[in-house]
C-alpha atoms as a PDB file:
ATOM      1  CA  MET A   1      15.133  15.598  10.395  1.00  0.00           C
ATOM      2  CA  LEU A   2      15.851  12.176   8.885  1.00  0.00           C
ATOM      3  CA  LYS A   3      15.048  10.576  12.255  1.00  0.00           C
ATOM      4  CA  GLU A   4      11.619  12.253  12.250  1.00  0.00           C
ATOM      5  CA  ILE A   5      10.864  11.008   8.723  1.00  0.00           C
ATOM      6  CA  VAL A   6      11.724   7.456   9.764  1.00  0.00           C
ATOM      7  CA  HIS A   7       9.403   7.725  12.793  1.00  0.00           C
ATOM      8  CA  ILE A   8       6.601   9.129  10.611  1.00  0.00           C
ATOM      9  CA  LEU A   9       6.932   6.212   8.194  1.00  0.00           C
ATOM     10  CA  LYS A  10       7.027   3.718  11.084  1.00  0.00           C
ATOM     11  CA  ASN A  11       3.779   5.157  12.587  1.00  0.00           C
ATOM     12  CA  ASP A  12       5.544   5.894  15.902  1.00  0.00           C
ATOM     13  CA  CYS A  13       4.226   8.022  18.736  1.00  0.00           C
ATOM     14  CA  PRO A  14       5.728  11.526  18.327  1.00  0.00           C
ATOM     15  CA  ASN A  15       6.427  11.854  22.039  1.00  0.00           C
ATOM     16  CA  CYS A  16       8.169   8.622  23.067  1.00  0.00           C
ATOM     17  CA  TYR A  17       8.613   6.858  19.690  1.00  0.00           C
ATOM     18  CA  LYS A  18       7.521   3.548  21.236  1.00  0.00           C
ATOM     19  CA  GLY A  19       3.811   3.173  20.481  1.00  0.00           C
ATOM     20  CA  LYS A  20       1.768   3.463  17.322  1.00  0.00           C
ATOM     21  CA  VAL A  21      -0.612   6.263  16.340  1.00  0.00           C
ATOM     22  CA  PHE A  22      -2.983   4.181  14.197  1.00  0.00           C
ATOM     23  CA  LYS A  23      -4.792   1.040  15.346  1.00  0.00           C
ATOM     24  CA  ASP A  24      -4.541  -0.611  11.927  1.00  0.00           C
ATOM     25  CA  LYS A  25      -2.107  -3.502  11.683  1.00  0.00           C
ATOM     26  CA  SER A  26      -0.571  -2.219   8.466  1.00  0.00           C
ATOM     27  CA  PHE A  27       0.169   1.484   8.078  1.00  0.00           C
ATOM     28  CA  TYR A  28       0.673   1.171   4.320  1.00  0.00           C
ATOM     29  CA  PHE A  29      -1.935  -1.321   3.099  1.00  0.00           C
ATOM     30  CA  SER A  30      -5.079  -0.645   5.155  1.00  0.00           C
ATOM     31  CA  MET A  31      -8.337   0.132   3.406  1.00  0.00           C
ATOM     32  CA  GLY A  32     -10.930   2.509   4.806  1.00  0.00           C
ATOM     33  CA  PHE A  33     -10.736   5.544   7.023  1.00  0.00           C
ATOM     34  CA  PRO A  34      -7.920   5.281   9.572  1.00  0.00           C
ATOM     35  CA  LYS A  35      -8.671   4.376  13.171  1.00  0.00           C
ATOM     36  CA  MET A  36      -6.453   6.274  15.581  1.00  0.00           C
ATOM     37  CA  TYR A  37      -5.835   5.923  19.276  1.00  0.00           C
ATOM     38  CA  ASP A  38      -7.096   8.884  21.317  1.00  0.00           C
ATOM     39  CA  HIS A  39      -3.849   8.942  23.250  1.00  0.00           C
ATOM     40  CA  TYR A  40      -0.898   6.679  23.772  1.00  0.00           C
ATOM     41  CA  SER A  41      -1.172   4.709  27.016  1.00  0.00           C
ATOM     42  CA  ASN A  42       2.588   4.587  27.703  1.00  0.00           C
ATOM     43  CA  CYS A  43       3.357   8.314  27.736  1.00  0.00           C
ATOM     44  CA  GLY A  44      -0.164   9.825  27.750  1.00  0.00           C
ATOM     45  CA  TYR A  45       0.432  11.869  24.579  1.00  0.00           C
ATOM     46  CA  THR A  46      -2.886  13.027  23.087  1.00  0.00           C
ATOM     47  CA  PHE A  47      -2.956  12.831  19.286  1.00  0.00           C
ATOM     48  CA  GLU A  48      -6.042  14.976  18.617  1.00  0.00           C
ATOM     49  CA  LYS A  49      -5.499  18.208  20.546  1.00  0.00           C
ATOM     50  CA  GLU A  50      -8.929  19.746  19.811  1.00  0.00           C
ATOM     51  CA  PRO A  51     -11.975  19.120  17.611  1.00  0.00           C
ATOM     52  CA  GLY A  52     -11.035  19.726  13.985  1.00  0.00           C
ATOM     53  CA  TYR A  53      -7.330  19.346  14.726  1.00  0.00           C
ATOM     54  CA  PHE A  54      -6.714  17.301  11.587  1.00  0.00           C
ATOM     55  CA  PHE A  55      -8.413  19.808   9.272  1.00  0.00           C
ATOM     56  CA  GLY A  56      -4.970  21.133   8.311  1.00  0.00           C
ATOM     57  CA  ALA A  57      -3.816  17.626   7.380  1.00  0.00           C
ATOM     58  CA  MET A  58      -6.202  17.926   4.455  1.00  0.00           C
ATOM     59  CA  PHE A  59      -3.867  20.488   2.870  1.00  0.00           C
ATOM     60  CA  ILE A  60      -0.888  18.178   3.319  1.00  0.00           C
ATOM     61  CA  ASN A  61      -2.942  15.405   1.705  1.00  0.00           C
ATOM     62  CA  TYR A  62      -3.641  17.717  -1.236  1.00  0.00           C
ATOM     63  CA  GLY A  63       0.071  18.463  -1.629  1.00  0.00           C
ATOM     64  CA  LEU A  64       0.947  14.756  -1.538  1.00  0.00           C
ATOM     65  CA  THR A  65      -1.705  14.022  -4.173  1.00  0.00           C
ATOM     66  CA  VAL A  66      -0.458  16.791  -6.489  1.00  0.00           C
ATOM     67  CA  ALA A  67       3.148  15.607  -6.119  1.00  0.00           C
ATOM     68  CA  GLU A  68       2.140  12.001  -6.878  1.00  0.00           C
ATOM     69  CA  SER A  69       0.146  13.170  -9.900  1.00  0.00           C
ATOM     70  CA  LEU A  70       3.080  15.137 -11.297  1.00  0.00           C
ATOM     71  CA  ILE A  71       5.472  12.229 -10.772  1.00  0.00           C
ATOM     72  CA  THR A  72       3.006   9.845 -12.416  1.00  0.00           C
ATOM     73  CA  TYR A  73       2.647  12.199 -15.378  1.00  0.00           C
ATOM     74  CA  ALA A  74       6.432  12.553 -15.714  1.00  0.00           C
ATOM     75  CA  ILE A  75       6.816   8.774 -15.818  1.00  0.00           C
ATOM     76  CA  ALA A  76       3.753   7.999 -17.967  1.00  0.00           C
ATOM     77  CA  HIS A  77       4.336  10.612 -20.657  1.00  0.00           C
ATOM     78  CA  GLN A  78       7.582   8.846 -21.605  1.00  0.00           C
ATOM     79  CA  PHE A  79       5.445   6.061 -23.104  1.00  0.00           C
ATOM     80  CA  PHE A  80       3.332   8.337 -25.355  1.00  0.00           C
ATOM     81  CA  LYS A  81       4.320  10.297 -28.463  1.00  0.00           C
ATOM     82  CA  GLU A  82       2.388  13.483 -27.739  1.00  0.00           C
ATOM     83  CA  THR A  83       3.350  15.881 -24.922  1.00  0.00           C
ATOM     84  CA  PHE A  84      -0.064  15.515 -23.348  1.00  0.00           C
ATOM     85  CA  ASP A  85      -2.104  12.469 -24.246  1.00  0.00           C
ATOM     86  CA  ALA A  86      -5.584  12.038 -22.739  1.00  0.00           C
ATOM     87  CA  ARG A  87      -4.770   8.387 -22.054  1.00  0.00           C
ATOM     88  CA  ILE A  88      -2.502   9.569 -19.240  1.00  0.00           C
ATOM     89  CA  LEU A  89      -5.480  10.847 -17.207  1.00  0.00           C
ATOM     90  CA  PRO A  90      -6.832   7.382 -16.259  1.00  0.00           C
ATOM     91  CA  ILE A  91      -3.331   6.350 -15.226  1.00  0.00           C
ATOM     92  CA  ILE A  92      -3.030   9.388 -12.945  1.00  0.00           C
ATOM     93  CA  ALA A  93      -6.545   8.751 -11.562  1.00  0.00           C
ATOM     94  CA  ALA A  94      -5.673   5.113 -10.814  1.00  0.00           C
ATOM     95  CA  VAL A  95      -2.531   6.135  -8.916  1.00  0.00           C
ATOM     96  CA  ILE A  96      -4.488   8.723  -6.903  1.00  0.00           C
ATOM     97  CA  ILE A  97      -7.156   6.154  -5.988  1.00  0.00           C
ATOM     98  CA  LEU A  98      -4.595   3.493  -5.079  1.00  0.00           C
ATOM     99  CA  LEU A  99      -2.670   5.845  -2.792  1.00  0.00           C
ATOM    100  CA  CYS A 100      -5.589   7.725  -1.199  1.00  0.00           C
ATOM    101  CA  PHE A 101      -5.735   5.659   2.016  1.00  0.00           C
ATOM    102  CA  LEU A 102      -1.967   5.860   2.475  1.00  0.00           C
ATOM    103  CA  ASN A 103      -2.115   9.625   1.890  1.00  0.00           C
ATOM    104  CA  ILE A 104      -4.715  10.075   4.641  1.00  0.00           C
ATOM    105  CA  ARG A 105      -2.532   8.295   7.185  1.00  0.00           C
ATOM    106  CA  LEU A 106       0.689   9.918   6.018  1.00  0.00           C
ATOM    107  CA  SER A 107      -0.774  13.436   6.030  1.00  0.00           C
ATOM    108  CA  ARG A 108      -2.083  12.965   9.583  1.00  0.00           C
ATOM    109  CA  MET A 109       1.307  11.710  10.753  1.00  0.00           C
ATOM    110  CA  ILE A 110       3.056  14.676   9.128  1.00  0.00           C
ATOM    111  CA  TRP A 111       0.523  17.037  10.740  1.00  0.00           C
ATOM    112  CA  ILE A 112       1.080  15.505  14.186  1.00  0.00           C
ATOM    113  CA  TYR A 113       4.860  15.780  13.812  1.00  0.00           C
ATOM    114  CA  ILE A 114       4.681  19.401  12.587  1.00  0.00           C
ATOM    115  CA  PHE A 115       2.929  20.482  15.782  1.00  0.00           C
ATOM    116  CA  LYS A 116       4.645  18.252  18.326  1.00  0.00           C
ATOM    117  CA  ASP A 117       6.571  19.957  21.087  1.00  0.00           C
ATOM    118  CA  TYR A 118      10.241  19.831  20.064  1.00  0.00           C
ATOM    119  CA  SER A 119      11.439  21.661  23.193  1.00  0.00           C
ATOM    120  CA  LEU A 120      11.259  18.543  25.362  1.00  0.00           C
END
């Protein structure tokens, strides 16, 4: 399990762990919609199995965003007197915007690794 998390964070091919899934040079600091390889040339693993394959990754992205929002709130509310201060909302929004491109890539990697064939 820990090995899989490391490979997800390193943007490794889920089949052979040698190549990269995304074409971007930096997995963490790329702006814009991610550009993915259709398949990895070394082992022939196809990343998008069918049209709409990554639709489910949208739900993982939502979960990541909610978790980041809750963590941001837990940290930010320590600096305000009231339990819920409206000044926390822009802080949460800024964190969501800053992490949105990372979340897209990370949710797709998690989705690919959920449905990879572990019997090999």
